[in-house]
């Protein structure tokens, strides 16, 4: 069996310790904070606390994806060492980074024709993207070869569900995803939008719910509705949050009581600086395996 590595972008929003423990390699996106450039390196260069505090205090953010040259420099050492590469990319529905990966693949495939470079469009983001990578690592550790893992991901990636809510519409307004009028009214009335990721890997608003307590209940109801085996769900569940750990813990507690057969504890991660640049503080996201996602 040929040796292969599993790879992703830092936007999978797992910890460095998690990536290292599962032998998942990653390449970092980039962002700017008030004009200063950083790598989206899982909070190592700038802590998530400092990042979100800066946003709350009015700092300007800008993100940039990995370019083809960076991918080529990142992939080539693995190929030189005799490894095939399975790279799972951030959803094409929210980023064009997969195009950079494919350009690098085309260049390197000519140079290393004996090596496999397989690229998967995850149609996923944040720790949902991370949950997909964790499953890929499970399959690799169970003995599946690179093609078998690739095929499984392509066949099953749309059974990975993403549900998001935000208790602060400030950055949704700033980014143009919510109009100023709707956002102002929403903030006054404590409206919390509940969104999910559709079959094209795009974030779609589904419900407008008034009040944090109700939206926490509703996001778990969506898991009851769509999860494999409903309340008898037995797989893993991940949550990510942007500077609202107590809200994330409240969702995790309700998930734990609602789904007593979970595989391990609910894992809570930070929304990283790339995704967080667009959501701002106050977002909680819930990820689980379920029925095939709809459009």
Protein backbone atom coordinates (compact mmCIF):
# COMPACT_ATOMS: atom_id res chain seq x y z
CA UNK A 1 0.00 0.00 0.00
CA UNK A 2 1.38 3.43 -0.93
CA UNK A 3 2.01 5.87 1.88
CA UNK A 4 -0.26 8.88 1.92
CA UNK A 5 -0.95 11.97 4.01
CA UNK A 6 -4.28 13.59 4.83
CA UNK A 7 -4.24 17.34 4.42
CA UNK A 8 -6.55 20.33 4.85
CA UNK A 9 -6.59 24.08 5.39
CA UNK A 10 -6.40 25.73 8.81
CA UNK A 11 -10.04 26.74 8.32
CA UNK A 12 -11.03 23.25 9.55
CA UNK A 13 -10.91 24.93 12.99
CA UNK A 14 -9.50 22.13 15.11
CA UNK A 15 -6.68 22.64 17.60
CA UNK A 16 -3.05 22.07 16.69
CA UNK A 17 -3.03 19.29 19.27
CA UNK A 18 -5.98 17.59 17.54
CA UNK A 19 -4.37 17.84 14.10
CA UNK A 20 -1.07 16.50 15.44
CA UNK A 21 -2.70 13.64 17.36
CA UNK A 22 -4.65 12.52 14.29
CA UNK A 23 -1.69 13.06 11.91
CA UNK A 24 -3.64 15.54 9.80
CA UNK A 25 -1.49 18.10 8.00
CA UNK A 26 -2.71 21.63 7.32
CA UNK A 27 -1.79 24.78 5.43
CA UNK A 28 -2.65 28.22 6.81
CA UNK A 29 -4.93 30.85 5.33
CA UNK A 30 -3.98 34.51 5.97
CA UNK A 31 -5.73 37.48 7.50
CA UNK A 32 -5.12 41.14 8.28
CA UNK A 33 -6.05 42.91 11.49
CA UNK A 34 -5.90 46.70 11.16
CA UNK A 35 -3.46 46.28 8.28
CA UNK A 36 -1.09 43.89 10.05
CA UNK A 37 -0.74 40.50 8.37
CA UNK A 38 -0.98 37.19 10.21
CA UNK A 39 -1.15 33.50 9.38
CA UNK A 40 -4.41 31.84 10.36
CA UNK A 41 -2.35 29.42 12.43
CA UNK A 42 -4.90 28.16 14.96
CA UNK A 43 -4.40 31.05 17.37
CA UNK A 44 -0.66 30.64 17.76
CA UNK A 45 0.43 34.05 16.42
CA UNK A 46 -2.49 35.90 17.99
CA UNK A 47 -4.83 34.36 20.53
CA UNK A 48 -8.50 34.03 19.66
CA UNK A 49 -9.34 36.13 22.73
CA UNK A 50 -7.17 39.00 21.49
CA UNK A 51 -8.49 38.63 17.95
CA UNK A 52 -12.16 38.84 18.91
CA UNK A 53 -11.53 41.60 21.44
CA UNK A 54 -9.91 43.62 18.66
CA UNK A 55 -12.96 43.06 16.42
CA UNK A 56 -15.30 44.17 19.20
CA UNK A 57 -13.20 47.31 19.58
CA UNK A 58 -13.58 48.18 15.90
CA UNK A 59 -10.52 46.62 14.28
CA UNK A 60 -10.76 46.05 10.52
CA UNK A 61 -10.22 42.51 9.25
CA UNK A 62 -9.47 41.10 5.83
CA UNK A 63 -8.80 37.50 4.80
CA UNK A 64 -6.88 35.91 1.94
CA UNK A 65 -6.81 32.31 0.80
CA UNK A 66 -3.81 30.13 0.08
CA UNK A 67 -2.45 30.69 -3.43
CA UNK A 68 -1.22 28.09 -5.91
CA UNK A 69 2.48 28.77 -5.27
CA UNK A 70 1.97 28.24 -1.54
CA UNK A 71 0.17 24.95 -2.19
CA UNK A 72 2.96 23.82 -4.49
CA UNK A 73 5.61 24.57 -1.84
CA UNK A 74 3.48 22.84 0.80
CA UNK A 75 2.70 19.69 -1.24
CA UNK A 76 6.10 19.08 -2.82
CA UNK A 77 8.07 17.89 0.25
CA UNK A 78 5.49 15.13 0.85
CA UNK A 79 5.78 14.01 -2.79
CA UNK A 80 9.59 14.05 -2.63
CA UNK A 81 9.40 11.82 0.44
CA UNK A 82 7.30 9.27 -1.46
CA UNK A 83 3.85 10.15 -0.09
CA UNK A 84 0.60 10.44 -2.01
CA UNK A 85 -1.64 13.34 -0.92
CA UNK A 86 -5.33 13.45 -0.06
CA UNK A 87 -6.16 17.14 0.38
CA UNK A 88 -9.62 18.12 1.59
CA UNK A 89 -10.42 21.73 0.76
CA UNK A 90 -12.63 24.35 2.40
CA UNK A 91 -16.07 24.49 0.75
CA UNK A 92 -16.13 25.95 -2.76
CA UNK A 93 -19.43 27.54 -1.75
CA UNK A 94 -17.62 30.08 0.42
CA UNK A 95 -14.06 30.15 -0.97
CA UNK A 96 -12.16 29.65 -4.20
CA UNK A 97 -9.18 28.05 -2.47
CA UNK A 98 -9.81 24.67 -4.10
CA UNK A 99 -8.85 26.26 -7.42
CA UNK A 100 -5.39 27.09 -6.02
CA UNK A 101 -4.99 23.51 -4.80
CA UNK A 102 -5.94 22.13 -8.23
CA UNK A 103 -3.50 24.44 -10.03
CA UNK A 104 -0.70 23.22 -7.78
CA UNK A 105 -1.83 19.64 -8.33
CA UNK A 106 -1.63 20.02 -12.13
CA UNK A 107 1.89 21.44 -11.92
CA UNK A 108 3.17 18.83 -9.49
CA UNK A 109 1.49 15.89 -11.24
CA UNK A 110 3.70 16.52 -14.26
CA UNK A 111 6.78 16.57 -12.03
CA UNK A 112 5.76 13.52 -9.96
CA UNK A 113 3.63 11.37 -12.31
CA UNK A 114 4.05 8.32 -10.09
CA UNK A 115 2.36 10.06 -7.13
CA UNK A 116 -1.36 10.53 -6.48
CA UNK A 117 -2.72 13.94 -5.53
CA UNK A 118 -6.44 13.74 -4.79
CA UNK A 119 -8.43 16.90 -4.00
CA UNK A 120 -11.82 16.82 -2.28
CA UNK A 121 -14.21 19.77 -2.14
CA UNK A 122 -15.42 19.32 1.43
CA UNK A 123 -18.55 21.47 0.98
CA UNK A 124 -17.89 22.09 4.68
CA UNK A 125 -16.43 24.77 6.95
CA UNK A 126 -15.08 25.41 10.44
CA UNK A 127 -15.18 22.42 12.80
CA UNK A 128 -17.65 20.67 10.47
CA UNK A 129 -14.82 20.60 7.97
CA UNK A 130 -12.72 19.37 10.89
CA UNK A 131 -15.19 16.58 11.67
CA UNK A 132 -14.91 15.42 8.04
CA UNK A 133 -11.10 15.32 8.37
CA UNK A 134 -11.38 13.41 11.63
CA UNK A 135 -13.50 10.80 9.84
CA UNK A 136 -10.91 10.56 7.07
CA UNK A 137 -8.27 9.87 9.73
CA UNK A 138 -10.50 7.15 11.23
CA UNK A 139 -10.80 5.49 7.83
CA UNK A 140 -7.04 5.72 7.20
CA UNK A 141 -6.33 4.20 10.61
CA UNK A 142 -8.80 1.40 9.84
CA UNK A 143 -6.59 0.45 6.87
CA UNK A 144 -8.35 2.05 3.90
CA UNK A 145 -6.09 3.19 1.09
CA UNK A 146 -6.07 6.72 -0.32
CA UNK A 147 -8.56 5.97 -3.10
CA UNK A 148 -10.98 4.26 -0.72
CA UNK A 149 -10.90 7.21 1.69
CA UNK A 150 -11.33 9.65 -1.20
CA UNK A 151 -14.34 7.71 -2.50
CA UNK A 152 -15.92 7.55 0.97
CA UNK A 153 -15.56 11.31 1.44
CA UNK A 154 -17.06 12.06 -1.96
CA UNK A 155 -20.00 9.74 -1.31
CA UNK A 156 -20.72 10.86 2.26
CA UNK A 157 -19.64 14.49 2.66
CA UNK A 158 -23.20 15.79 2.21
CA UNK A 159 -24.34 13.80 5.24
CA UNK A 160 -22.30 16.17 7.43
CA UNK A 161 -24.61 18.84 8.86
CA UNK A 162 -23.70 22.42 9.82
CA UNK A 163 -26.05 24.61 11.87
CA UNK A 164 -25.04 28.10 12.97
CA UNK A 165 -26.62 30.86 15.03
CA UNK A 166 -25.44 34.32 16.02
CA UNK A 167 -26.49 36.45 18.96
CA UNK A 168 -24.84 39.57 17.49
CA UNK A 169 -25.66 40.77 13.98
CA UNK A 170 -23.06 43.56 13.93
CA UNK A 171 -20.61 41.78 11.65
CA UNK A 172 -23.33 40.25 9.48
CA UNK A 173 -24.43 43.83 8.79
CA UNK A 174 -20.84 44.95 8.23
CA UNK A 175 -20.23 42.15 5.75
CA UNK A 176 -23.45 42.85 3.85
CA UNK A 177 -25.10 39.54 4.69
CA UNK A 178 -27.83 41.39 6.62
CA UNK A 179 -29.14 44.86 5.68
CA UNK A 180 -28.54 47.71 8.10
CA UNK A 181 -32.27 48.13 8.72
CA UNK A 182 -32.94 44.43 9.29
CA UNK A 183 -29.84 44.13 11.43
CA UNK A 184 -30.70 47.11 13.60
CA UNK A 185 -34.23 45.80 14.18
CA UNK A 186 -32.88 42.31 14.76
CA UNK A 187 -30.44 43.50 17.41
CA UNK A 188 -33.13 45.50 19.20
CA UNK A 189 -35.54 42.53 19.20
CA UNK A 190 -32.74 40.04 20.04
CA UNK A 191 -33.32 38.11 16.80
CA UNK A 192 -30.85 35.26 16.36
CA UNK A 193 -30.64 33.96 12.78
CA UNK A 194 -30.27 30.19 12.44
CA UNK A 195 -28.42 29.11 9.30
CA UNK A 196 -27.24 25.88 7.79
CA UNK A 197 -24.91 24.84 4.97
CA UNK A 198 -26.71 23.51 1.91
CA UNK A 199 -25.71 20.89 -0.65
CA UNK A 200 -23.63 23.46 -2.56
CA UNK A 201 -21.61 24.29 0.55
CA UNK A 202 -23.21 27.73 0.96
CA UNK A 203 -24.56 29.21 4.19
CA UNK A 204 -28.32 29.66 3.99
CA UNK A 205 -30.50 31.51 6.56
CA UNK A 206 -33.33 29.20 7.62
CA UNK A 207 -35.03 30.73 10.68
CA UNK A 208 -35.23 34.00 12.60
CA UNK A 209 -35.59 33.19 16.29
CA UNK A 210 -36.13 35.66 19.07
CA UNK A 211 -33.91 35.13 22.08
CA UNK A 212 -30.80 33.14 22.89
CA UNK A 213 -32.58 30.48 24.93
CA UNK A 214 -34.97 29.67 22.10
CA UNK A 215 -32.27 29.52 19.42
CA UNK A 216 -30.20 27.14 21.56
CA UNK A 217 -33.23 24.86 21.85
CA UNK A 218 -33.94 25.15 18.13
CA UNK A 219 -30.42 24.30 16.97
CA UNK A 220 -30.55 21.06 19.00
CA UNK A 221 -34.00 20.32 17.57
CA UNK A 222 -32.44 20.49 14.10
CA UNK A 223 -29.96 17.85 15.22
CA UNK A 224 -32.84 15.69 16.50
CA UNK A 225 -34.54 16.11 13.14
CA UNK A 226 -31.59 15.37 10.86
CA UNK A 227 -29.07 13.27 12.83
CA UNK A 228 -28.46 9.62 11.96
CA UNK A 229 -30.91 7.58 14.06
CA UNK A 230 -32.31 10.86 15.45
CA UNK A 231 -32.02 10.88 19.27
CA UNK A 232 -30.24 7.50 19.12
CA UNK A 233 -27.30 9.17 17.34
CA UNK A 234 -24.04 7.33 18.08
CA UNK A 235 -21.37 9.28 16.18
CA UNK A 236 -19.26 12.32 17.12
CA UNK A 237 -20.52 15.87 17.56
CA UNK A 238 -18.43 19.05 17.29
CA UNK A 239 -19.24 22.64 18.22
CA UNK A 240 -17.30 25.80 17.40
CA UNK A 241 -17.81 29.29 18.76
CA UNK A 242 -16.49 32.82 18.31
CA UNK A 243 -15.82 34.32 21.75
CA UNK A 244 -19.04 32.96 23.30
CA UNK A 245 -17.89 29.86 25.15
CA UNK A 246 -20.79 29.87 27.62
CA UNK A 247 -23.30 29.71 24.76
CA UNK A 248 -21.33 26.85 23.21
CA UNK A 249 -21.33 25.04 26.54
CA UNK A 250 -25.10 25.50 26.81
CA UNK A 251 -25.58 23.88 23.40
CA UNK A 252 -23.16 21.07 24.31
CA UNK A 253 -25.03 20.39 27.56
CA UNK A 254 -28.36 20.15 25.76
CA UNK A 255 -26.85 17.91 23.05
CA UNK A 256 -25.38 15.62 25.71
CA UNK A 257 -28.72 15.22 27.50
CA UNK A 258 -30.67 14.78 24.26
CA UNK A 259 -28.29 12.27 22.65
CA UNK A 260 -27.17 9.85 25.41
CA UNK A 261 -25.39 7.50 22.98
CA UNK A 262 -22.91 10.06 21.57
CA UNK A 263 -19.45 8.80 20.64
CA UNK A 264 -17.45 10.58 23.35
CA UNK A 265 -17.97 14.07 24.69
CA UNK A 266 -19.08 16.96 22.52
CA UNK A 267 -15.87 18.63 21.31
CA UNK A 268 -15.86 22.44 21.53
CA UNK A 269 -13.43 24.44 19.38
CA UNK A 270 -12.85 28.10 18.54
CA UNK A 271 -14.04 29.52 15.24
CA UNK A 272 -10.73 30.44 13.65
CA UNK A 273 -9.62 33.84 12.47
CA UNK A 274 -10.56 33.31 8.80
CA UNK A 275 -14.18 32.30 9.39
CA UNK A 276 -14.34 34.56 12.45
CA UNK A 277 -13.36 37.60 10.38
CA UNK A 278 -16.73 37.25 8.68
CA UNK A 279 -18.94 36.12 11.57
CA UNK A 280 -17.46 38.28 14.31
CA UNK A 281 -18.02 37.37 17.97
CA UNK A 282 -21.23 35.70 19.09
CA UNK A 283 -21.56 32.77 16.66
CA UNK A 284 -22.09 29.14 17.71
CA UNK A 285 -21.99 26.28 15.20
CA UNK A 286 -23.13 22.66 15.65
CA UNK A 287 -21.85 19.78 13.47
CA UNK A 288 -23.02 16.17 13.23
CA UNK A 289 -23.65 13.31 10.77
CA UNK A 290 -27.16 12.87 9.41
CA UNK A 291 -29.40 12.60 6.37
CA UNK A 292 -28.22 13.98 3.05
CA UNK A 293 -28.18 17.78 3.03
CA UNK A 294 -30.77 19.62 0.95
CA UNK A 295 -30.30 22.50 -1.45
